[in-house]
Amino acid sequence: MYGGWRDSGGVRRLVLALALVGLLYLFFAARSGQDIRLSLWVPHGGPAQVAAIANAAPGGLVGEAKGRGISDDSRPQGNPLGVRNTVITQGYGVGSHAPAEVWGAIDLAIDGDGDGAADPAGSLRHPIYATQSGMVALTPNSWPAGNHIWVANGQYRSGYSHLDSFAVTDGQPVRPGDLLGYVGSTGQSSGPHLDYQVWAMQDGQWVNLDPLGFGALDPGI
Protein backbone atom coordinates (compact mmCIF):
# COMPACT_ATOMS: atom_id res chain seq x y z
CA MET A 1 0.00 0.00 0.00
CA TYR A 2 1.30 3.48 -0.82
CA GLY A 3 2.74 5.13 2.28
CA GLY A 4 0.95 8.43 1.68
CA TRP A 5 -2.44 6.69 2.00
CA ARG A 6 -1.94 4.60 5.14
CA ASP A 7 -4.78 6.01 7.20
CA SER A 8 -7.95 4.91 8.89
CA GLY A 9 -9.94 5.09 5.63
CA GLY A 10 -8.70 1.61 4.70
CA VAL A 11 -9.19 -0.04 1.33
CA ARG A 12 -12.00 2.26 0.18
CA ARG A 13 -9.84 5.36 0.59
CA LEU A 14 -7.00 3.69 -1.26
CA VAL A 15 -9.23 2.77 -4.20
CA LEU A 16 -10.60 6.32 -4.41
CA ALA A 17 -7.10 7.78 -4.29
CA LEU A 18 -5.89 5.47 -7.06
CA ALA A 19 -8.87 6.40 -9.20
CA LEU A 20 -8.10 10.10 -8.70
CA VAL A 21 -4.48 9.55 -9.74
CA GLY A 22 -5.67 7.79 -12.89
CA LEU A 23 -8.00 10.65 -13.78
CA LEU A 24 -5.23 13.20 -13.24
CA TYR A 25 -2.92 11.16 -15.46
CA LEU A 26 -5.45 11.10 -18.29
CA PHE A 27 -6.13 14.82 -17.90
CA PHE A 28 -2.45 15.78 -18.09
CA ALA A 29 -1.75 13.44 -21.00
CA ALA A 30 -4.71 14.79 -22.96
CA ARG A 31 -3.61 18.40 -22.38
CA SER A 32 0.00 17.86 -23.34
CA GLY A 33 -0.39 15.38 -26.19
CA GLN A 34 2.53 13.46 -24.66
CA ASP A 35 2.84 10.02 -23.12
CA ILE A 36 3.37 11.36 -19.61
CA ARG A 37 4.56 8.78 -17.10
CA LEU A 38 4.62 9.57 -13.40
CA SER A 39 6.77 8.03 -10.71
CA LEU A 40 5.99 7.14 -7.10
CA TRP A 41 9.49 5.99 -6.17
CA VAL A 42 10.89 7.35 -2.92
CA PRO A 43 14.58 7.30 -1.91
CA HIS A 44 15.84 4.82 0.65
CA GLY A 45 16.58 7.46 3.31
CA GLY A 46 13.08 7.18 4.74
CA PRO A 47 10.78 9.93 6.06
CA ALA A 48 13.58 12.45 6.69
CA GLN A 49 14.75 12.22 3.09
CA VAL A 50 11.18 12.37 1.81
CA ALA A 51 10.68 15.61 3.76
CA ALA A 52 13.93 17.01 2.37
CA ILE A 53 12.78 16.30 -1.21
CA ALA A 54 9.42 17.94 -0.58
CA ASN A 55 11.09 21.05 0.83
CA ALA A 56 13.56 21.21 -2.05
CA ALA A 57 10.87 20.82 -4.73
CA PRO A 58 7.83 23.05 -4.17
CA GLY A 59 6.12 21.24 -7.04
CA GLY A 60 6.23 18.57 -4.54
CA LEU A 61 5.94 15.11 -3.32
CA VAL A 62 2.49 13.69 -4.11
CA GLY A 63 2.92 10.14 -2.84
CA GLU A 64 5.42 7.47 -1.96
CA ALA A 65 5.78 3.76 -2.55
CA LYS A 66 7.27 0.75 -0.88
CA GLY A 67 10.53 -0.59 -2.27
CA ARG A 68 10.58 -3.47 -4.72
CA GLY A 69 12.22 -5.86 -2.31
CA ILE A 70 15.49 -6.02 -4.26
CA SER A 71 18.27 -6.73 -1.78
CA ASP A 72 21.18 -6.44 -4.22
CA ASP A 73 21.72 -2.67 -4.32
CA SER A 74 24.45 -2.99 -6.96
CA ARG A 75 21.64 -3.08 -9.53
CA PRO A 76 20.19 0.35 -10.44
CA GLN A 77 16.59 0.67 -9.31
CA GLY A 78 14.21 3.59 -8.98
CA ASN A 79 13.72 7.17 -10.02
CA PRO A 80 16.87 9.30 -9.56
CA LEU A 81 14.73 12.43 -9.02
CA GLY A 82 12.76 10.69 -6.29
CA VAL A 83 9.36 12.34 -6.74
CA ARG A 84 6.13 11.35 -8.39
CA ASN A 85 5.79 14.41 -10.64
CA THR A 86 8.79 13.34 -12.74
CA VAL A 87 8.22 13.41 -16.52
CA ILE A 88 10.19 12.08 -19.48
CA THR A 89 11.14 14.80 -21.95
CA GLN A 90 13.06 12.53 -24.35
CA GLY A 91 12.84 8.77 -24.58
CA TYR A 92 15.40 6.03 -24.94
CA GLY A 93 17.15 5.59 -28.29
CA VAL A 94 15.51 8.58 -30.01
CA GLY A 95 16.66 12.09 -30.87
CA SER A 96 20.01 12.87 -29.26
CA HIS A 97 19.86 9.45 -27.55
CA ALA A 98 20.43 7.58 -30.81
CA PRO A 99 22.07 5.27 -31.49
CA ALA A 100 21.01 3.67 -28.21
CA GLU A 101 24.14 1.52 -27.89
CA VAL A 102 26.21 4.71 -27.62
CA TRP A 103 23.93 7.50 -26.37
CA GLY A 104 21.00 5.56 -24.91
CA ALA A 105 19.42 7.44 -22.00
CA ILE A 106 16.19 9.05 -20.90
CA ASP A 107 15.76 12.72 -20.07
CA LEU A 108 13.90 13.44 -16.83
CA ALA A 109 12.49 16.69 -15.52
CA ILE A 110 9.94 17.90 -12.97
CA ASP A 111 6.36 18.97 -13.63
CA GLY A 112 6.42 21.58 -10.89
CA ASP A 113 3.27 23.49 -11.83
CA GLY A 114 0.93 20.57 -12.52
CA ASP A 115 0.33 21.22 -16.23
CA GLY A 116 1.57 17.78 -17.29
CA ALA A 117 4.79 19.02 -18.90
CA ALA A 118 8.34 19.74 -17.78
CA ASP A 119 8.74 22.90 -15.74
CA PRO A 120 12.22 24.49 -16.02
CA ALA A 121 11.85 26.46 -12.79
CA GLY A 122 10.67 23.37 -10.90
CA SER A 123 13.44 21.22 -12.41
CA LEU A 124 16.44 23.49 -11.85
CA ARG A 125 18.48 22.45 -8.81
CA HIS A 126 16.11 19.59 -7.96
CA PRO A 127 17.96 16.88 -5.97
CA ILE A 128 19.38 13.87 -7.81
CA TYR A 129 19.79 10.57 -5.96
CA ALA A 130 21.93 7.50 -6.60
CA THR A 131 19.92 4.51 -7.81
CA GLN A 132 22.65 1.96 -7.04
CA SER A 133 25.70 1.35 -4.89
CA GLY A 134 29.14 2.07 -6.29
CA MET A 135 32.01 4.52 -6.54
CA VAL A 136 31.53 8.06 -7.83
CA ALA A 137 33.50 9.42 -10.78
CA LEU A 138 33.02 13.14 -11.46
CA THR A 139 33.62 14.93 -14.76
CA PRO A 140 32.96 18.67 -14.49
CA ASN A 141 32.37 20.85 -17.56
CA SER A 142 32.43 17.98 -20.08
CA TRP A 143 30.91 18.00 -23.57
CA PRO A 144 28.17 17.14 -24.32
CA ALA A 145 27.27 15.91 -20.81
CA GLY A 146 28.24 19.05 -18.86
CA ASN A 147 28.76 18.29 -15.18
CA HIS A 148 28.60 14.49 -15.20
CA ILE A 149 28.61 11.68 -12.60
CA TRP A 150 29.19 7.97 -12.98
CA VAL A 151 28.22 5.63 -10.16
CA ALA A 152 29.85 2.30 -10.95
CA ASN A 153 30.55 -1.14 -9.52
CA GLY A 154 31.66 -4.34 -11.22
CA GLN A 155 28.18 -5.18 -12.51
CA TYR A 156 26.45 -1.90 -13.32
CA ARG A 157 27.03 1.78 -13.80
CA SER A 158 24.56 4.65 -13.94
CA GLY A 159 25.22 8.04 -15.52
CA TYR A 160 23.84 11.44 -14.52
CA SER A 161 24.42 14.37 -16.90
CA HIS A 162 23.91 18.15 -17.15
CA LEU A 163 24.10 18.72 -13.37
CA ASP A 164 24.01 22.23 -11.96
CA SER A 165 26.33 21.20 -9.12
CA PHE A 166 27.74 18.19 -7.29
CA ALA A 167 26.99 16.98 -3.75
CA VAL A 168 29.62 14.20 -3.76
CA THR A 169 33.35 13.99 -4.36
CA ASP A 170 35.35 11.97 -6.83
CA GLY A 171 35.96 8.43 -5.57
CA GLN A 172 33.26 8.61 -2.89
CA PRO A 173 31.30 5.39 -2.24
CA VAL A 174 27.51 5.80 -2.35
CA ARG A 175 24.44 3.66 -1.82
CA PRO A 176 20.92 3.91 -3.28
CA GLY A 177 19.19 7.09 -2.14
CA ASP A 178 22.38 9.06 -1.44
CA LEU A 179 22.32 12.64 -2.72
CA LEU A 180 24.56 13.07 -5.79
CA GLY A 181 23.87 16.62 -6.94
CA TYR A 182 21.30 18.92 -8.48
CA VAL A 183 19.54 19.17 -11.85
CA GLY A 184 21.04 21.72 -14.22
CA SER A 185 21.49 22.57 -17.88
CA THR A 186 25.25 22.32 -18.34
CA GLY A 187 26.85 20.98 -21.51
CA GLN A 188 24.69 20.45 -24.60
CA SER A 189 21.27 21.03 -23.08
CA SER A 190 18.14 22.92 -24.11
CA GLY A 191 16.93 23.38 -20.52
CA PRO A 192 17.16 21.98 -16.99
CA HIS A 193 16.84 18.20 -16.99
CA LEU A 194 18.64 15.01 -16.01
CA ASP A 195 20.07 12.75 -18.70
CA TYR A 196 20.01 9.34 -16.99
CA GLN A 197 21.83 6.27 -18.33
CA VAL A 198 22.15 2.64 -17.21
CA TRP A 199 24.89 0.26 -18.34
CA ALA A 200 25.53 -3.40 -17.46
CA MET A 201 28.69 -5.48 -17.77
CA GLN A 202 27.97 -8.28 -20.23
CA ASP A 203 30.61 -10.63 -21.66
CA GLY A 204 33.39 -8.35 -20.53
CA GLN A 205 32.05 -5.11 -21.96
CA TRP A 206 29.67 -2.34 -20.93
CA VAL A 207 26.27 -2.51 -22.66
CA ASN A 208 23.82 0.39 -22.68
CA LEU A 209 20.29 -0.50 -21.46
CA ASP A 210 16.93 1.27 -21.25
CA PRO A 211 16.60 2.85 -17.76
CA LEU A 212 12.85 2.19 -17.84
CA GLY A 213 13.73 -1.49 -17.47
CA PHE A 214 15.28 -0.56 -14.12
CA GLY A 215 12.24 1.20 -12.68
CA ALA A 216 13.28 4.77 -13.59
CA LEU A 217 9.58 5.74 -13.39
CA ASP A 218 8.31 2.66 -11.60
CA PRO A 219 5.65 3.18 -8.90
CA GLY A 220 6.98 0.19 -6.98
CA ILE A 221 5.02 -2.59 -5.33
C-alpha atoms as a PDB file:
ATOM      1  CA  MET A   1       0.000   0.000   0.000  1.00  0.00           C
ATOM      2  CA  TYR A   2       1.305   3.477  -0.817  1.00  0.00           C
ATOM      3  CA  GLY A   3       2.739   5.132   2.278  1.00  0.00           C
ATOM      4  CA  GLY A   4       0.947   8.430   1.680  1.00  0.00           C
ATOM      5  CA  TRP A   5      -2.437   6.688   1.996  1.00  0.00           C
ATOM      6  CA  ARG A   6      -1.939   4.595   5.138  1.00  0.00           C
ATOM      7  CA  ASP A   7      -4.775   6.012   7.200  1.00  0.00           C
ATOM      8  CA  SER A   8      -7.955   4.910   8.886  1.00  0.00           C
ATOM      9  CA  GLY A   9      -9.935   5.088   5.631  1.00  0.00           C
ATOM     10  CA  GLY A  10      -8.698   1.611   4.696  1.00  0.00           C
ATOM     11  CA  VAL A  11      -9.194  -0.036   1.333  1.00  0.00           C
ATOM     12  CA  ARG A  12     -11.995   2.258   0.179  1.00  0.00           C
ATOM     13  CA  ARG A  13      -9.840   5.356   0.593  1.00  0.00           C
ATOM     14  CA  LEU A  14      -6.999   3.695  -1.256  1.00  0.00           C
ATOM     15  CA  VAL A  15      -9.227   2.766  -4.198  1.00  0.00           C
ATOM     16  CA  LEU A  16     -10.603   6.316  -4.406  1.00  0.00           C
ATOM     17  CA  ALA A  17      -7.098   7.780  -4.294  1.00  0.00           C
ATOM     18  CA  LEU A  18      -5.886   5.470  -7.063  1.00  0.00           C
ATOM     19  CA  ALA A  19      -8.873   6.405  -9.202  1.00  0.00           C
ATOM     20  CA  LEU A  20      -8.098  10.095  -8.699  1.00  0.00           C
ATOM     21  CA  VAL A  21      -4.483   9.547  -9.740  1.00  0.00           C
ATOM     22  CA  GLY A  22      -5.668   7.785 -12.890  1.00  0.00           C
ATOM     23  CA  LEU A  23      -7.999  10.648 -13.777  1.00  0.00           C
ATOM     24  CA  LEU A  24      -5.234  13.200 -13.240  1.00  0.00           C
ATOM     25  CA  TYR A  25      -2.920  11.159 -15.456  1.00  0.00           C
ATOM     26  CA  LEU A  26      -5.450  11.105 -18.291  1.00  0.00           C
ATOM     27  CA  PHE A  27      -6.130  14.815 -17.898  1.00  0.00           C
ATOM     28  CA  PHE A  28      -2.451  15.779 -18.094  1.00  0.00           C
ATOM     29  CA  ALA A  29      -1.751  13.437 -20.996  1.00  0.00           C
ATOM     30  CA  ALA A  30      -4.710  14.795 -22.962  1.00  0.00           C
ATOM     31  CA  ARG A  31      -3.607  18.399 -22.380  1.00  0.00           C
ATOM     32  CA  SER A  32       0.002  17.859 -23.341  1.00  0.00           C
ATOM     33  CA  GLY A  33      -0.389  15.378 -26.187  1.00  0.00           C
ATOM     34  CA  GLN A  34       2.526  13.456 -24.659  1.00  0.00           C
ATOM     35  CA  ASP A  35       2.839  10.025 -23.122  1.00  0.00           C
ATOM     36  CA  ILE A  36       3.373  11.362 -19.613  1.00  0.00           C
ATOM     37  CA  ARG A  37       4.560   8.779 -17.102  1.00  0.00           C
ATOM     38  CA  LEU A  38       4.623   9.570 -13.401  1.00  0.00           C
ATOM     39  CA  SER A  39       6.771   8.030 -10.711  1.00  0.00           C
ATOM     40  CA  LEU A  40       5.985   7.136  -7.102  1.00  0.00           C
ATOM     41  CA  TRP A  41       9.486   5.991  -6.170  1.00  0.00           C
ATOM     42  CA  VAL A  42      10.890   7.354  -2.920  1.00  0.00           C
ATOM     43  CA  PRO A  43      14.585   7.301  -1.905  1.00  0.00           C
ATOM     44  CA  HIS A  44      15.840   4.819   0.649  1.00  0.00           C
ATOM     45  CA  GLY A  45      16.576   7.457   3.307  1.00  0.00           C
ATOM     46  CA  GLY A  46      13.083   7.177   4.741  1.00  0.00           C
ATOM     47  CA  PRO A  47      10.778   9.926   6.062  1.00  0.00           C
ATOM     48  CA  ALA A  48      13.577  12.449   6.690  1.00  0.00           C
ATOM     49  CA  GLN A  49      14.751  12.218   3.092  1.00  0.00           C
ATOM     50  CA  VAL A  50      11.175  12.375   1.811  1.00  0.00           C
ATOM     51  CA  ALA A  51      10.684  15.609   3.763  1.00  0.00           C
ATOM     52  CA  ALA A  52      13.929  17.012   2.368  1.00  0.00           C
ATOM     53  CA  ILE A  53      12.778  16.301  -1.206  1.00  0.00           C
ATOM     54  CA  ALA A  54       9.418  17.944  -0.582  1.00  0.00           C
ATOM     55  CA  ASN A  55      11.093  21.054   0.833  1.00  0.00           C
ATOM     56  CA  ALA A  56      13.564  21.212  -2.050  1.00  0.00           C
ATOM     57  CA  ALA A  57      10.875  20.821  -4.725  1.00  0.00           C
ATOM     58  CA  PRO A  58       7.835  23.053  -4.169  1.00  0.00           C
ATOM     59  CA  GLY A  59       6.122  21.236  -7.039  1.00  0.00           C
ATOM     60  CA  GLY A  60       6.226  18.570  -4.543  1.00  0.00           C
ATOM     61  CA  LEU A  61       5.939  15.112  -3.322  1.00  0.00           C
ATOM     62  CA  VAL A  62       2.493  13.691  -4.108  1.00  0.00           C
ATOM     63  CA  GLY A  63       2.919  10.141  -2.843  1.00  0.00           C
ATOM     64  CA  GLU A  64       5.416   7.475  -1.959  1.00  0.00           C
ATOM     65  CA  ALA A  65       5.780   3.762  -2.548  1.00  0.00           C
ATOM     66  CA  LYS A  66       7.269   0.754  -0.875  1.00  0.00           C
ATOM     67  CA  GLY A  67      10.525  -0.590  -2.267  1.00  0.00           C
ATOM     68  CA  ARG A  68      10.576  -3.470  -4.724  1.00  0.00           C
ATOM     69  CA  GLY A  69      12.218  -5.862  -2.308  1.00  0.00           C
ATOM     70  CA  ILE A  70      15.491  -6.021  -4.264  1.00  0.00           C
ATOM     71  CA  SER A  71      18.272  -6.732  -1.779  1.00  0.00           C
ATOM     72  CA  ASP A  72      21.181  -6.439  -4.219  1.00  0.00           C
ATOM     73  CA  ASP A  73      21.721  -2.675  -4.317  1.00  0.00           C
ATOM     74  CA  SER A  74      24.449  -2.992  -6.962  1.00  0.00           C
ATOM     75  CA  ARG A  75      21.644  -3.081  -9.533  1.00  0.00           C
ATOM     76  CA  PRO A  76      20.186   0.346 -10.435  1.00  0.00           C
ATOM     77  CA  GLN A  77      16.585   0.674  -9.312  1.00  0.00           C
ATOM     78  CA  GLY A  78      14.205   3.591  -8.984  1.00  0.00           C
ATOM     79  CA  ASN A  79      13.723   7.174 -10.025  1.00  0.00           C
ATOM     80  CA  PRO A  80      16.870   9.302  -9.559  1.00  0.00           C
ATOM     81  CA  LEU A  81      14.732  12.428  -9.024  1.00  0.00           C
ATOM     82  CA  GLY A  82      12.764  10.692  -6.290  1.00  0.00           C
ATOM     83  CA  VAL A  83       9.357  12.340  -6.744  1.00  0.00           C
ATOM     84  CA  ARG A  84       6.130  11.353  -8.391  1.00  0.00           C
ATOM     85  CA  ASN A  85       5.787  14.414 -10.640  1.00  0.00           C
ATOM     86  CA  THR A  86       8.788  13.344 -12.744  1.00  0.00           C
ATOM     87  CA  VAL A  87       8.219  13.410 -16.518  1.00  0.00           C
ATOM     88  CA  ILE A  88      10.194  12.079 -19.477  1.00  0.00           C
ATOM     89  CA  THR A  89      11.142  14.795 -21.946  1.00  0.00           C
ATOM     90  CA  GLN A  90      13.062  12.526 -24.354  1.00  0.00           C
ATOM     91  CA  GLY A  91      12.843   8.771 -24.584  1.00  0.00           C
ATOM     92  CA  TYR A  92      15.403   6.032 -24.940  1.00  0.00           C
ATOM     93  CA  GLY A  93      17.154   5.589 -28.292  1.00  0.00           C
ATOM     94  CA  VAL A  94      15.514   8.584 -30.010  1.00  0.00           C
ATOM     95  CA  GLY A  95      16.662  12.092 -30.873  1.00  0.00           C
ATOM     96  CA  SER A  96      20.015  12.873 -29.260  1.00  0.00           C
ATOM     97  CA  HIS A  97      19.862   9.451 -27.546  1.00  0.00           C
ATOM     98  CA  ALA A  98      20.426   7.582 -30.807  1.00  0.00           C
ATOM     99  CA  PRO A  99      22.066   5.265 -31.488  1.00  0.00           C
ATOM    100  CA  ALA A 100      21.013   3.666 -28.215  1.00  0.00           C
ATOM    101  CA  GLU A 101      24.137   1.522 -27.891  1.00  0.00           C
ATOM    102  CA  VAL A 102      26.207   4.715 -27.621  1.00  0.00           C
ATOM    103  CA  TRP A 103      23.934   7.496 -26.370  1.00  0.00           C
ATOM    104  CA  GLY A 104      20.997   5.560 -24.906  1.00  0.00           C
ATOM    105  CA  ALA A 105      19.415   7.443 -22.002  1.00  0.00           C
ATOM    106  CA  ILE A 106      16.189   9.045 -20.901  1.00  0.00           C
ATOM    107  CA  ASP A 107      15.764  12.725 -20.073  1.00  0.00           C
ATOM    108  CA  LEU A 108      13.901  13.438 -16.831  1.00  0.00           C
ATOM    109  CA  ALA A 109      12.486  16.695 -15.522  1.00  0.00           C
ATOM    110  CA  ILE A 110       9.942  17.898 -12.972  1.00  0.00           C
ATOM    111  CA  ASP A 111       6.355  18.972 -13.631  1.00  0.00           C
ATOM    112  CA  GLY A 112       6.422  21.583 -10.890  1.00  0.00           C
ATOM    113  CA  ASP A 113       3.268  23.492 -11.835  1.00  0.00           C
ATOM    114  CA  GLY A 114       0.930  20.570 -12.524  1.00  0.00           C
ATOM    115  CA  ASP A 115       0.332  21.221 -16.226  1.00  0.00           C
ATOM    116  CA  GLY A 116       1.568  17.778 -17.289  1.00  0.00           C
ATOM    117  CA  ALA A 117       4.791  19.022 -18.903  1.00  0.00           C
ATOM    118  CA  ALA A 118       8.340  19.737 -17.776  1.00  0.00           C
ATOM    119  CA  ASP A 119       8.740  22.899 -15.736  1.00  0.00           C
ATOM    120  CA  PRO A 120      12.221  24.488 -16.017  1.00  0.00           C
ATOM    121  CA  ALA A 121      11.848  26.457 -12.793  1.00  0.00           C
ATOM    122  CA  GLY A 122      10.669  23.370 -10.902  1.00  0.00           C
ATOM    123  CA  SER A 123      13.437  21.216 -12.405  1.00  0.00           C
ATOM    124  CA  LEU A 124      16.435  23.495 -11.853  1.00  0.00           C
ATOM    125  CA  ARG A 125      18.479  22.446  -8.811  1.00  0.00           C
ATOM    126  CA  HIS A 126      16.105  19.595  -7.963  1.00  0.00           C
ATOM    127  CA  PRO A 127      17.962  16.884  -5.971  1.00  0.00           C
ATOM    128  CA  ILE A 128      19.382  13.866  -7.811  1.00  0.00           C
ATOM    129  CA  TYR A 129      19.787  10.569  -5.958  1.00  0.00           C
ATOM    130  CA  ALA A 130      21.929   7.498  -6.601  1.00  0.00           C
ATOM    131  CA  THR A 131      19.921   4.508  -7.807  1.00  0.00           C
ATOM    132  CA  GLN A 132      22.650   1.962  -7.042  1.00  0.00           C
ATOM    133  CA  SER A 133      25.696   1.346  -4.894  1.00  0.00           C
ATOM    134  CA  GLY A 134      29.141   2.073  -6.288  1.00  0.00           C
ATOM    135  CA  MET A 135      32.007   4.521  -6.542  1.00  0.00           C
ATOM    136  CA  VAL A 136      31.528   8.056  -7.825  1.00  0.00           C
ATOM    137  CA  ALA A 137      33.497   9.424 -10.778  1.00  0.00           C
ATOM    138  CA  LEU A 138      33.015  13.143 -11.461  1.00  0.00           C
ATOM    139  CA  THR A 139      33.618  14.925 -14.761  1.00  0.00           C
ATOM    140  CA  PRO A 140      32.956  18.674 -14.490  1.00  0.00           C
ATOM    141  CA  ASN A 141      32.368  20.848 -17.560  1.00  0.00           C
ATOM    142  CA  SER A 142      32.434  17.979 -20.083  1.00  0.00           C
ATOM    143  CA  TRP A 143      30.908  17.998 -23.567  1.00  0.00           C
ATOM    144  CA  PRO A 144      28.169  17.139 -24.324  1.00  0.00           C
ATOM    145  CA  ALA A 145      27.272  15.915 -20.807  1.00  0.00           C
ATOM    146  CA  GLY A 146      28.241  19.049 -18.856  1.00  0.00           C
ATOM    147  CA  ASN A 147      28.755  18.290 -15.176  1.00  0.00           C
ATOM    148  CA  HIS A 148      28.596  14.489 -15.195  1.00  0.00           C
ATOM    149  CA  ILE A 149      28.607  11.682 -12.603  1.00  0.00           C
ATOM    150  CA  TRP A 150      29.192   7.966 -12.984  1.00  0.00           C
ATOM    151  CA  VAL A 151      28.220   5.628 -10.157  1.00  0.00           C
ATOM    152  CA  ALA A 152      29.847   2.296 -10.946  1.00  0.00           C
ATOM    153  CA  ASN A 153      30.546  -1.141  -9.524  1.00  0.00           C
ATOM    154  CA  GLY A 154      31.661  -4.337 -11.216  1.00  0.00           C
ATOM    155  CA  GLN A 155      28.184  -5.184 -12.508  1.00  0.00           C
ATOM    156  CA  TYR A 156      26.448  -1.900 -13.322  1.00  0.00           C
ATOM    157  CA  ARG A 157      27.028   1.776 -13.798  1.00  0.00           C
ATOM    158  CA  SER A 158      24.564   4.646 -13.942  1.00  0.00           C
ATOM    159  CA  GLY A 159      25.219   8.039 -15.523  1.00  0.00           C
ATOM    160  CA  TYR A 160      23.840  11.442 -14.524  1.00  0.00           C
ATOM    161  CA  SER A 161      24.421  14.368 -16.903  1.00  0.00           C
ATOM    162  CA  HIS A 162      23.914  18.150 -17.146  1.00  0.00           C
ATOM    163  CA  LEU A 163      24.095  18.723 -13.371  1.00  0.00           C
ATOM    164  CA  ASP A 164      24.013  22.226 -11.962  1.00  0.00           C
ATOM    165  CA  SER A 165      26.334  21.196  -9.123  1.00  0.00           C
ATOM    166  CA  PHE A 166      27.735  18.194  -7.286  1.00  0.00           C
ATOM    167  CA  ALA A 167      26.989  16.981  -3.749  1.00  0.00           C
ATOM    168  CA  VAL A 168      29.619  14.197  -3.765  1.00  0.00           C
ATOM    169  CA  THR A 169      33.347  13.988  -4.356  1.00  0.00           C
ATOM    170  CA  ASP A 170      35.354  11.970  -6.834  1.00  0.00           C
ATOM    171  CA  GLY A 171      35.962   8.435  -5.565  1.00  0.00           C
ATOM    172  CA  GLN A 172      33.255   8.613  -2.890  1.00  0.00           C
ATOM    173  CA  PRO A 173      31.295   5.393  -2.236  1.00  0.00           C
ATOM    174  CA  VAL A 174      27.506   5.795  -2.349  1.00  0.00           C
ATOM    175  CA  ARG A 175      24.441   3.659  -1.822  1.00  0.00           C
ATOM    176  CA  PRO A 176      20.917   3.911  -3.278  1.00  0.00           C
ATOM    177  CA  GLY A 177      19.189   7.091  -2.141  1.00  0.00           C
ATOM    178  CA  ASP A 178      22.377   9.065  -1.444  1.00  0.00           C
ATOM    179  CA  LEU A 179      22.319  12.643  -2.722  1.00  0.00           C
ATOM    180  CA  LEU A 180      24.557  13.067  -5.788  1.00  0.00           C
ATOM    181  CA  GLY A 181      23.875  16.618  -6.940  1.00  0.00           C
ATOM    182  CA  TYR A 182      21.295  18.917  -8.476  1.00  0.00           C
ATOM    183  CA  VAL A 183      19.544  19.174 -11.849  1.00  0.00           C
ATOM    184  CA  GLY A 184      21.041  21.723 -14.221  1.00  0.00           C
ATOM    185  CA  SER A 185      21.489  22.566 -17.877  1.00  0.00           C
ATOM    186  CA  THR A 186      25.253  22.322 -18.337  1.00  0.00           C
ATOM    187  CA  GLY A 187      26.849  20.983 -21.514  1.00  0.00           C
ATOM    188  CA  GLN A 188      24.687  20.447 -24.600  1.00  0.00           C
ATOM    189  CA  SER A 189      21.270  21.026 -23.083  1.00  0.00           C
ATOM    190  CA  SER A 190      18.139  22.924 -24.107  1.00  0.00           C
ATOM    191  CA  GLY A 191      16.930  23.382 -20.521  1.00  0.00           C
ATOM    192  CA  PRO A 192      17.162  21.981 -16.989  1.00  0.00           C
ATOM    193  CA  HIS A 193      16.837  18.198 -16.993  1.00  0.00           C
ATOM    194  CA  LEU A 194      18.635  15.009 -16.013  1.00  0.00           C
ATOM    195  CA  ASP A 195      20.069  12.747 -18.704  1.00  0.00           C
ATOM    196  CA  TYR A 196      20.015   9.342 -16.989  1.00  0.00           C
ATOM    197  CA  GLN A 197      21.833   6.266 -18.327  1.00  0.00           C
ATOM    198  CA  VAL A 198      22.146   2.635 -17.207  1.00  0.00           C
ATOM    199  CA  TRP A 199      24.892   0.264 -18.343  1.00  0.00           C
ATOM    200  CA  ALA A 200      25.532  -3.400 -17.463  1.00  0.00           C
ATOM    201  CA  MET A 201      28.692  -5.477 -17.769  1.00  0.00           C
ATOM    202  CA  GLN A 202      27.966  -8.282 -20.231  1.00  0.00           C
ATOM    203  CA  ASP A 203      30.608 -10.631 -21.658  1.00  0.00           C
ATOM    204  CA  GLY A 204      33.392  -8.352 -20.526  1.00  0.00           C
ATOM    205  CA  GLN A 205      32.052  -5.105 -21.962  1.00  0.00           C
ATOM    206  CA  TRP A 206      29.673  -2.336 -20.927  1.00  0.00           C
ATOM    207  CA  VAL A 207      26.273  -2.506 -22.664  1.00  0.00           C
ATOM    208  CA  ASN A 208      23.816   0.388 -22.677  1.00  0.00           C
ATOM    209  CA  LEU A 209      20.292  -0.502 -21.456  1.00  0.00           C
ATOM    210  CA  ASP A 210      16.931   1.273 -21.248  1.00  0.00           C
ATOM    211  CA  PRO A 211      16.600   2.855 -17.758  1.00  0.00           C
ATOM    212  CA  LEU A 212      12.852   2.189 -17.835  1.00  0.00           C
ATOM    213  CA  GLY A 213      13.734  -1.486 -17.475  1.00  0.00           C
ATOM    214  CA  PHE A 214      15.279  -0.557 -14.121  1.00  0.00           C
ATOM    215  CA  GLY A 215      12.244   1.203 -12.682  1.00  0.00           C
ATOM    216  CA  ALA A 216      13.278   4.766 -13.588  1.00  0.00           C
ATOM    217  CA  LEU A 217       9.578   5.737 -13.394  1.00  0.00           C
ATOM    218  CA  ASP A 218       8.307   2.662 -11.603  1.00  0.00           C
ATOM    219  CA  PRO A 219       5.647   3.175  -8.897  1.00  0.00           C
ATOM    220  CA  GLY A 220       6.976   0.188  -6.981  1.00  0.00           C
ATOM    221  CA  ILE A 221       5.023  -2.590  -5.333  1.00  0.00           C
END
